[in-house]
N, C-alpha and C. Protein backbone atom coordinates (compact mmCIF):
# COMPACT_ATOMS: atom_id res chain seq x y z
N MET A 1 95.35 29.09 -29.46
CA MET A 1 95.61 29.04 -27.99
C MET A 1 95.30 28.26 -27.47
N LEU A 2 96.16 27.16 -26.25
CA LEU A 2 95.36 26.10 -25.86
C LEU A 2 94.68 26.54 -24.34
N PHE A 3 95.12 27.54 -23.81
CA PHE A 3 94.40 28.11 -22.65
C PHE A 3 93.59 29.16 -22.61
N ARG A 4 92.51 29.51 -21.83
CA ARG A 4 91.71 30.59 -22.24
C ARG A 4 91.79 31.29 -20.70
N SER A 5 92.06 32.30 -20.52
CA SER A 5 91.99 32.87 -19.08
C SER A 5 90.60 33.48 -18.69
N ALA A 6 90.19 33.11 -17.52
CA ALA A 6 88.58 33.37 -17.07
C ALA A 6 88.39 34.90 -17.11
N SER A 7 87.00 35.42 -17.37
CA SER A 7 86.91 36.55 -17.17
C SER A 7 86.42 37.03 -16.03
N ALA A 8 86.53 38.14 -15.41
CA ALA A 8 86.41 38.53 -14.15
C ALA A 8 84.99 38.12 -13.30
N ARG A 9 83.98 37.68 -14.78
CA ARG A 9 82.30 37.65 -14.39
C ARG A 9 82.75 36.19 -14.07
N GLU A 10 83.54 35.29 -14.61
CA GLU A 10 83.56 33.55 -14.20
C GLU A 10 84.34 33.57 -12.90
N ARG A 11 85.40 34.38 -12.85
CA ARG A 11 86.08 34.48 -11.41
C ARG A 11 85.16 34.72 -10.57
N GLY A 12 84.31 35.35 -10.44
CA GLY A 12 83.42 35.93 -9.45
C GLY A 12 82.57 34.54 -8.99
N ARG A 13 82.11 34.22 -10.14
CA ARG A 13 81.24 32.77 -10.09
C ARG A 13 82.13 31.62 -9.17
N THR A 14 83.33 31.91 -10.02
CA THR A 14 84.10 30.53 -9.11
C THR A 14 84.02 30.82 -7.54
N ASP A 15 84.58 32.00 -7.36
CA ASP A 15 84.69 32.60 -6.01
C ASP A 15 83.34 32.52 -4.96
N ALA A 16 82.52 32.89 -5.70
CA ALA A 16 81.49 32.95 -4.61
C ALA A 16 80.85 31.26 -4.35
N TRP A 17 81.19 30.27 -5.59
CA TRP A 17 80.98 29.10 -5.28
C TRP A 17 81.57 28.43 -4.04
N ARG A 18 82.90 29.10 -4.21
CA ARG A 18 84.17 28.68 -3.34
C ARG A 18 83.75 28.92 -1.39
N GLN A 19 82.78 30.06 -1.61
CA GLN A 19 82.87 30.83 -0.56
C GLN A 19 81.36 30.00 0.22
N ASP A 20 80.50 29.60 -0.60
CA ASP A 20 79.13 28.78 -0.27
C ASP A 20 79.42 27.31 0.18
N PRO A 21 79.45 27.16 1.20
CA PRO A 21 79.48 25.90 1.78
C PRO A 21 78.26 24.92 1.10
N ALA A 22 77.11 25.29 1.15
CA ALA A 22 76.03 24.77 0.71
C ALA A 22 75.84 24.30 -0.69
N ALA A 23 76.49 24.92 -1.44
CA ALA A 23 76.75 24.80 -2.79
C ALA A 23 77.82 23.72 -3.38
N GLN A 24 78.97 23.73 -2.34
CA GLN A 24 80.01 23.10 -2.47
C GLN A 24 79.19 21.79 -2.06
N ALA A 25 78.55 21.74 -0.88
CA ALA A 25 77.88 20.19 -0.43
C ALA A 25 77.14 19.65 -1.74
N ARG A 26 75.99 20.64 -2.57
CA ARG A 26 75.30 19.91 -3.29
C ARG A 26 76.11 19.90 -4.68
N SER A 27 77.38 20.33 -4.62
CA SER A 27 78.34 19.63 -5.97
C SER A 27 78.76 18.81 -5.71
N GLN A 28 79.37 18.24 -4.48
CA GLN A 28 79.99 16.92 -3.99
C GLN A 28 78.92 16.18 -4.05
N SER A 29 77.55 16.29 -3.72
CA SER A 29 76.59 15.24 -3.61
C SER A 29 76.52 14.84 -5.15
N ARG A 30 76.26 15.65 -5.70
CA ARG A 30 76.09 15.15 -7.48
C ARG A 30 77.39 14.17 -7.51
N ARG A 31 78.06 14.43 -7.61
CA ARG A 31 79.29 13.88 -8.12
C ARG A 31 79.34 12.63 -7.58
N ARG A 32 79.36 12.61 -6.21
CA ARG A 32 79.36 11.15 -5.36
C ARG A 32 77.99 10.31 -5.95
N ASP A 33 76.67 10.90 -6.32
CA ASP A 33 76.02 10.13 -6.87
C ASP A 33 75.94 9.49 -8.23
N ALA A 34 76.71 10.48 -8.93
CA ALA A 34 77.05 10.37 -10.25
C ALA A 34 78.12 9.12 -10.31
N ARG A 35 79.22 8.88 -9.66
CA ARG A 35 79.99 7.84 -9.37
C ARG A 35 79.35 6.54 -8.52
N MET A 36 78.65 6.73 -8.16
CA MET A 36 77.83 5.79 -6.85
C MET A 36 76.73 4.65 -8.20
N ASP A 37 76.38 5.87 -9.22
CA ASP A 37 75.28 5.26 -10.02
C ASP A 37 75.84 3.75 -10.66
N GLU A 38 76.89 3.92 -10.86
CA GLU A 38 77.76 2.63 -11.47
C GLU A 38 77.64 1.28 -10.62
N PHE A 39 77.24 1.45 -9.46
CA PHE A 39 77.30 0.58 -8.17
C PHE A 39 76.26 0.32 -7.67
N GLY A 40 75.75 -0.79 -7.55
CA GLY A 40 74.27 -1.15 -6.70
C GLY A 40 74.07 -0.77 -5.52
N GLU A 41 72.77 -0.42 -5.21
CA GLU A 41 72.28 0.08 -3.66
C GLU A 41 72.98 -0.49 -2.93
N GLY A 42 73.28 -1.53 -2.75
CA GLY A 42 73.78 -2.39 -1.60
C GLY A 42 75.30 -1.92 -1.35
N ASP A 43 76.05 -1.54 -2.17
CA ASP A 43 77.36 -1.07 -2.30
C ASP A 43 77.50 0.56 -2.00
N ARG A 44 76.42 0.85 -1.59
CA ARG A 44 76.77 2.55 -1.36
C ARG A 44 76.70 2.60 0.55
N THR A 45 76.77 1.44 0.81
CA THR A 45 76.77 2.08 2.70
C THR A 45 78.18 0.59 3.01
N PHE A 46 78.88 0.91 4.11
CA PHE A 46 79.90 -0.10 4.54
C PHE A 46 79.45 -0.99 5.46
N ASN A 47 79.91 -2.09 4.82
CA ASN A 47 79.09 -3.69 5.41
C ASN A 47 80.17 -4.24 6.63
N GLN A 48 79.90 -3.80 7.28
CA GLN A 48 80.82 -4.31 8.65
C GLN A 48 80.95 -5.55 9.15
N GLU A 49 80.24 -6.81 8.86
CA GLU A 49 80.14 -7.86 9.04
C GLU A 49 81.22 -8.32 7.92
N GLU A 50 80.99 -8.12 6.60
CA GLU A 50 81.70 -8.34 5.52
C GLU A 50 82.95 -8.11 5.43
N VAL A 51 83.29 -6.46 5.81
CA VAL A 51 84.65 -6.01 6.15
C VAL A 51 85.58 -6.86 7.20
N GLN A 52 85.01 -6.91 8.76
CA GLN A 52 85.32 -7.89 9.35
C GLN A 52 85.86 -9.25 9.03
N LEU A 53 85.05 -9.75 8.09
CA LEU A 53 85.51 -11.11 7.84
C LEU A 53 87.03 -11.14 6.97
N VAL A 54 86.97 -10.14 6.01
CA VAL A 54 88.07 -9.90 5.52
C VAL A 54 89.70 -9.67 6.39
N VAL A 55 89.22 -9.07 7.32
CA VAL A 55 90.29 -8.53 8.42
C VAL A 55 90.68 -9.66 8.94
N LYS A 56 89.66 -10.63 9.47
CA LYS A 56 89.65 -11.84 10.38
C LYS A 56 90.50 -12.37 9.43
N GLU A 57 90.11 -12.88 8.07
CA GLU A 57 90.84 -13.77 7.45
C GLU A 57 92.33 -13.27 7.25
N SER A 58 92.57 -12.11 7.24
CA SER A 58 94.01 -11.68 7.07
C SER A 58 95.06 -11.56 7.75
N VAL A 59 94.37 -11.73 9.17
CA VAL A 59 95.03 -11.84 10.35
C VAL A 59 95.36 -13.04 10.88
N GLU A 60 94.38 -14.24 10.81
CA GLU A 60 94.85 -15.13 10.70
C GLU A 60 95.25 -16.00 9.95
N THR A 61 95.76 -15.47 8.94
CA THR A 61 96.42 -16.07 7.93
C THR A 61 98.00 -16.04 8.47
N VAL A 62 98.47 -14.55 8.80
CA VAL A 62 99.56 -14.48 9.61
C VAL A 62 99.93 -15.05 10.64
N LEU A 63 98.94 -14.69 11.73
CA LEU A 63 98.89 -14.88 13.28
C LEU A 63 98.05 -16.30 13.78
N GLN A 64 98.53 -17.46 14.30
CA GLN A 64 97.80 -18.18 14.92
C GLN A 64 98.09 -18.60 16.18
N GLN A 65 97.34 -19.13 16.79
CA GLN A 65 97.04 -19.81 18.50
C GLN A 65 98.53 -19.78 19.41
N ASN A 66 99.67 -20.46 18.26
CA ASN A 66 100.39 -21.02 18.43
C ASN A 66 101.69 -20.07 18.01
N THR A 67 101.37 -18.82 17.42
CA THR A 67 102.24 -18.45 17.33
C THR A 67 103.03 -17.12 18.34
N ALA A 68 104.66 -16.93 18.31
CA ALA A 68 104.85 -16.58 19.63
C ALA A 68 105.53 -15.36 19.14
N PHE A 69 105.33 -14.25 20.41
CA PHE A 69 105.54 -12.97 19.97
C PHE A 69 106.94 -12.78 19.74
N THR A 70 107.10 -12.07 18.64
CA THR A 70 108.67 -12.25 18.29
C THR A 70 108.77 -10.51 17.75
N HIS A 71 109.85 -9.86 18.70
CA HIS A 71 109.89 -8.65 18.43
C HIS A 71 110.33 -8.40 16.85
N ALA A 72 111.38 -8.92 16.57
CA ALA A 72 111.94 -8.85 15.09
C ALA A 72 110.82 -8.83 14.20
N LYS A 73 110.05 -9.89 14.29
CA LYS A 73 109.08 -9.99 13.58
C LYS A 73 107.50 -9.42 13.12
N VAL A 74 107.68 -8.28 13.97
CA VAL A 74 106.32 -7.11 14.69
C VAL A 74 105.71 -6.65 12.95
N ALA A 75 107.03 -6.21 12.83
CA ALA A 75 106.78 -4.98 11.53
C ALA A 75 106.54 -6.07 10.42
N LEU A 76 107.02 -6.90 10.07
CA LEU A 76 106.45 -7.78 8.94
C LEU A 76 105.16 -8.02 8.92
N TRP A 77 104.83 -8.95 9.98
CA TRP A 77 103.75 -9.36 10.33
C TRP A 77 102.41 -7.95 10.12
N GLN A 78 102.65 -6.84 10.71
CA GLN A 78 101.82 -5.92 10.53
C GLN A 78 101.84 -5.20 9.01
N ALA A 79 102.88 -5.60 8.39
CA ALA A 79 102.82 -5.14 6.82
C ALA A 79 101.85 -6.00 5.95
N THR A 80 102.28 -6.95 6.51
CA THR A 80 101.30 -8.45 5.48
C THR A 80 99.66 -7.93 5.90
N ILE A 81 99.63 -8.30 7.09
CA ILE A 81 98.17 -8.00 7.47
C ILE A 81 97.60 -6.97 6.89
N VAL A 82 98.11 -5.44 6.81
CA VAL A 82 97.43 -4.36 6.48
C VAL A 82 97.57 -4.55 4.96
N GLU A 83 98.74 -4.97 4.11
CA GLU A 83 98.58 -5.13 2.95
C GLU A 83 97.63 -6.27 2.04
N ASN A 84 97.45 -7.09 2.78
CA ASN A 84 96.49 -8.66 2.64
C ASN A 84 95.36 -8.19 2.49
N ALA A 85 94.67 -7.18 3.90
CA ALA A 85 93.58 -6.82 3.93
C ALA A 85 93.32 -5.81 2.82
N LEU A 86 94.13 -4.58 3.02
CA LEU A 86 94.07 -3.63 1.71
C LEU A 86 93.69 -4.41 0.57
N LYS A 87 94.21 -5.27 -0.23
CA LYS A 87 94.22 -5.85 -1.16
C LYS A 87 92.69 -6.68 -1.71
N ARG A 88 92.26 -7.28 -0.53
CA ARG A 88 91.13 -7.82 -0.44
C ARG A 88 90.05 -7.15 -0.59
N LEU A 89 90.06 -5.98 0.18
CA LEU A 89 88.99 -4.96 0.06
C LEU A 89 88.88 -4.21 -1.26
N ALA A 90 89.81 -3.98 -1.88
CA ALA A 90 89.95 -3.52 -3.05
C ALA A 90 89.80 -4.22 -4.24
N ALA A 91 89.96 -5.63 -4.24
CA ALA A 91 89.26 -6.81 -5.07
C ALA A 91 87.95 -6.54 -5.16
N GLN A 92 87.31 -6.34 -4.02
CA GLN A 92 85.81 -6.21 -3.83
C GLN A 92 85.28 -5.19 -4.93
N ASN A 93 86.00 -4.06 -5.26
CA ASN A 93 85.52 -3.13 -6.27
C ASN A 93 84.53 -2.22 -5.84
N LYS A 94 84.50 -2.07 -4.46
CA LYS A 94 83.18 -1.15 -4.03
C LYS A 94 83.73 0.21 -3.99
N PRO A 95 82.80 1.11 -3.74
CA PRO A 95 83.41 2.57 -3.91
C PRO A 95 83.57 3.39 -2.92
N PHE A 96 84.52 2.75 -2.07
CA PHE A 96 84.83 3.09 -0.79
C PHE A 96 86.52 3.31 -0.92
N LYS A 97 87.12 4.52 -0.36
CA LYS A 97 88.92 4.50 0.04
C LYS A 97 88.58 3.80 1.38
N TYR A 98 89.96 3.03 1.75
CA TYR A 98 89.73 2.37 3.08
C TYR A 98 91.31 2.82 3.68
N VAL A 99 91.42 3.10 4.94
CA VAL A 99 92.56 2.93 5.61
C VAL A 99 92.57 1.96 6.66
N VAL A 100 93.54 1.00 6.70
CA VAL A 100 93.75 -0.18 7.42
C VAL A 100 94.98 0.46 8.77
N THR A 101 94.72 -0.18 9.63
CA THR A 101 95.78 -0.09 10.88
C THR A 101 95.84 -1.35 11.66
N CYS A 102 97.05 -1.59 12.12
CA CYS A 102 97.10 -2.75 12.67
C CYS A 102 98.18 -2.41 13.87
N MET A 103 97.86 -2.75 15.27
CA MET A 103 98.84 -2.90 16.18
C MET A 103 99.00 -4.18 16.82
N ILE A 104 100.53 -4.78 16.89
CA ILE A 104 100.67 -5.70 17.57
C ILE A 104 101.50 -5.58 18.62
N SER A 105 101.12 -5.96 19.69
CA SER A 105 101.75 -5.90 21.03
C SER A 105 102.14 -7.02 22.00
N GLN A 106 103.08 -7.29 22.85
CA GLN A 106 103.39 -8.45 23.50
C GLN A 106 102.01 -8.01 24.66
N ASN A 107 101.75 -9.26 24.73
CA ASN A 107 100.61 -9.52 26.13
C ASN A 107 101.09 -10.23 27.03
N THR A 108 101.41 -8.93 27.71
CA THR A 108 102.08 -8.63 29.16
C THR A 108 101.15 -8.30 30.39
N GLY A 109 99.55 -9.02 29.91
CA GLY A 109 98.63 -8.69 31.07
C GLY A 109 98.01 -6.91 31.14
N GLY A 110 98.86 -5.98 30.62
CA GLY A 110 98.70 -4.98 30.92
C GLY A 110 97.39 -4.36 29.96
N ALA A 111 96.56 -3.31 30.47
CA ALA A 111 95.28 -2.92 29.41
C ALA A 111 96.22 -2.14 28.11
N THR A 112 94.96 -2.16 27.33
CA THR A 112 95.51 -1.75 26.07
C THR A 112 94.16 -0.53 25.84
N HIS A 113 94.27 0.70 25.56
CA HIS A 113 93.51 1.29 25.59
C HIS A 113 93.18 2.29 24.07
N THR A 114 92.40 2.10 23.38
CA THR A 114 92.51 2.74 22.12
C THR A 114 91.29 3.97 22.13
N ALA A 115 91.65 4.82 21.18
CA ALA A 115 90.04 5.39 20.93
C ALA A 115 90.47 6.08 19.12
N HIS A 116 89.03 6.36 18.70
CA HIS A 116 89.65 7.29 17.66
C HIS A 116 87.80 8.02 17.36
N THR A 117 88.12 8.83 16.40
CA THR A 117 86.87 9.82 16.19
C THR A 117 86.97 10.11 14.88
N CYS A 118 86.07 10.27 14.06
CA CYS A 118 85.70 10.33 12.76
C CYS A 118 84.56 11.56 12.50
N PHE A 119 84.77 12.12 11.13
CA PHE A 119 83.62 13.14 10.96
C PHE A 119 83.59 12.48 9.41
N TRP A 120 82.34 12.00 9.07
CA TRP A 120 82.13 11.26 7.93
C TRP A 120 80.47 11.71 7.72
N ASP A 121 80.36 10.66 6.79
CA ASP A 121 78.65 10.63 6.32
C ASP A 121 78.17 9.61 7.06
N ALA A 122 77.51 9.51 7.82
CA ALA A 122 76.96 7.93 8.76
C ALA A 122 76.00 6.97 8.10
N GLU A 123 76.19 7.70 6.73
CA GLU A 123 74.93 6.64 6.04
C GLU A 123 75.60 5.77 5.10
N THR A 124 77.09 6.05 4.93
CA THR A 124 77.64 5.29 4.06
C THR A 124 79.18 4.82 4.34
N ASP A 125 79.34 5.68 5.42
CA ASP A 125 81.04 5.35 6.01
C ASP A 125 80.89 4.44 7.06
N GLY A 126 82.08 4.05 7.55
CA GLY A 126 81.97 3.47 8.41
C GLY A 126 83.25 2.69 9.15
N PHE A 127 83.38 1.91 10.02
CA PHE A 127 84.50 1.22 10.65
C PHE A 127 84.31 -0.17 11.34
N THR A 128 85.35 -1.01 11.54
CA THR A 128 84.93 -2.42 12.02
C THR A 128 86.43 -2.64 12.47
N LYS A 129 86.53 -3.18 13.55
CA LYS A 129 87.83 -3.55 14.14
C LYS A 129 87.83 -5.26 14.31
N TYR A 130 88.96 -5.69 14.45
CA TYR A 130 89.19 -6.86 14.76
C TYR A 130 90.22 -7.13 15.93
N ARG A 131 90.07 -7.95 17.16
CA ARG A 131 91.15 -8.18 18.21
C ARG A 131 91.45 -9.82 17.98
N PHE A 132 92.74 -9.87 18.00
CA PHE A 132 93.30 -11.28 17.60
C PHE A 132 94.04 -11.32 19.45
N GLU A 133 94.02 -12.59 19.63
CA GLU A 133 94.80 -12.79 21.00
C GLU A 133 95.16 -14.17 21.28
N ASN A 134 96.74 -14.27 21.57
CA ASN A 134 96.90 -15.33 21.84
C ASN A 134 97.77 -15.24 23.36
N PRO A 135 98.27 -16.26 24.02
CA PRO A 135 99.03 -16.17 25.32
C PRO A 135 100.27 -15.11 24.89
N THR A 136 100.87 -14.85 24.18
CA THR A 136 101.53 -13.93 23.99
C THR A 136 101.77 -12.60 23.12
N MET A 137 101.01 -12.46 22.51
CA MET A 137 100.38 -10.92 22.12
C MET A 137 98.96 -10.36 21.87
N VAL A 138 98.90 -9.41 21.33
CA VAL A 138 97.48 -9.08 21.00
C VAL A 138 97.73 -8.40 19.65
N CYS A 139 96.50 -8.09 18.53
CA CYS A 139 96.62 -7.47 17.43
C CYS A 139 95.59 -7.01 17.50
N LEU A 140 95.34 -5.61 17.12
CA LEU A 140 94.52 -4.80 17.17
C LEU A 140 94.10 -4.43 15.57
N THR A 141 93.53 -4.53 14.78
CA THR A 141 93.23 -3.95 13.29
C THR A 141 92.34 -3.07 13.17
N THR A 142 91.87 -2.52 12.61
CA THR A 142 90.81 -1.46 12.46
C THR A 142 90.54 -0.78 10.78
N VAL A 143 89.80 -0.97 10.43
CA VAL A 143 89.63 -0.41 8.88
C VAL A 143 88.37 0.47 8.90
N TYR A 144 88.54 1.59 8.07
CA TYR A 144 88.01 2.83 8.35
C TYR A 144 87.19 2.38 6.79
N GLY A 145 86.24 2.87 6.24
CA GLY A 145 85.56 2.81 4.80
C GLY A 145 84.95 3.98 4.92
N MET A 146 85.32 4.65 4.07
CA MET A 146 84.75 6.19 3.39
C MET A 146 84.42 6.32 1.97
N GLY A 147 82.83 6.45 1.52
CA GLY A 147 82.11 5.98 0.60
C GLY A 147 82.92 7.26 -0.53
N ILE A 148 83.15 6.94 -1.39
CA ILE A 148 83.92 7.97 -2.58
C ILE A 148 82.64 8.04 -3.44
């Protein structure tokens, strides 16, 4: 027989674990520590300066100061920026999951307001943003990094 049914006693332990947030947190912490052991100590925290440099280079390979806003090209620009940033971040082989967002709008002189909130481990997780602006457009790119 390939599968074994769990006894009532085993199921009870599992159910108790599911109901105990402290036990879940300890277990998640142990799993995270085990995964992080293969990485250096410096790789455990989100390095904003390093990630911002990656984002800046990803944006500036697509958009230059003389690039004119063209509505038909915005989707391609956004996809290229996001994909390039994500590929470069993944190539660093650091213990993080990344979320990359990019917003490009025509520069009409009006204000742009953004807001975000996150619930995460402030010791390992973080975010960075990069703003590119030329006379015809504004590009706001944000990267969130969550330690795994």
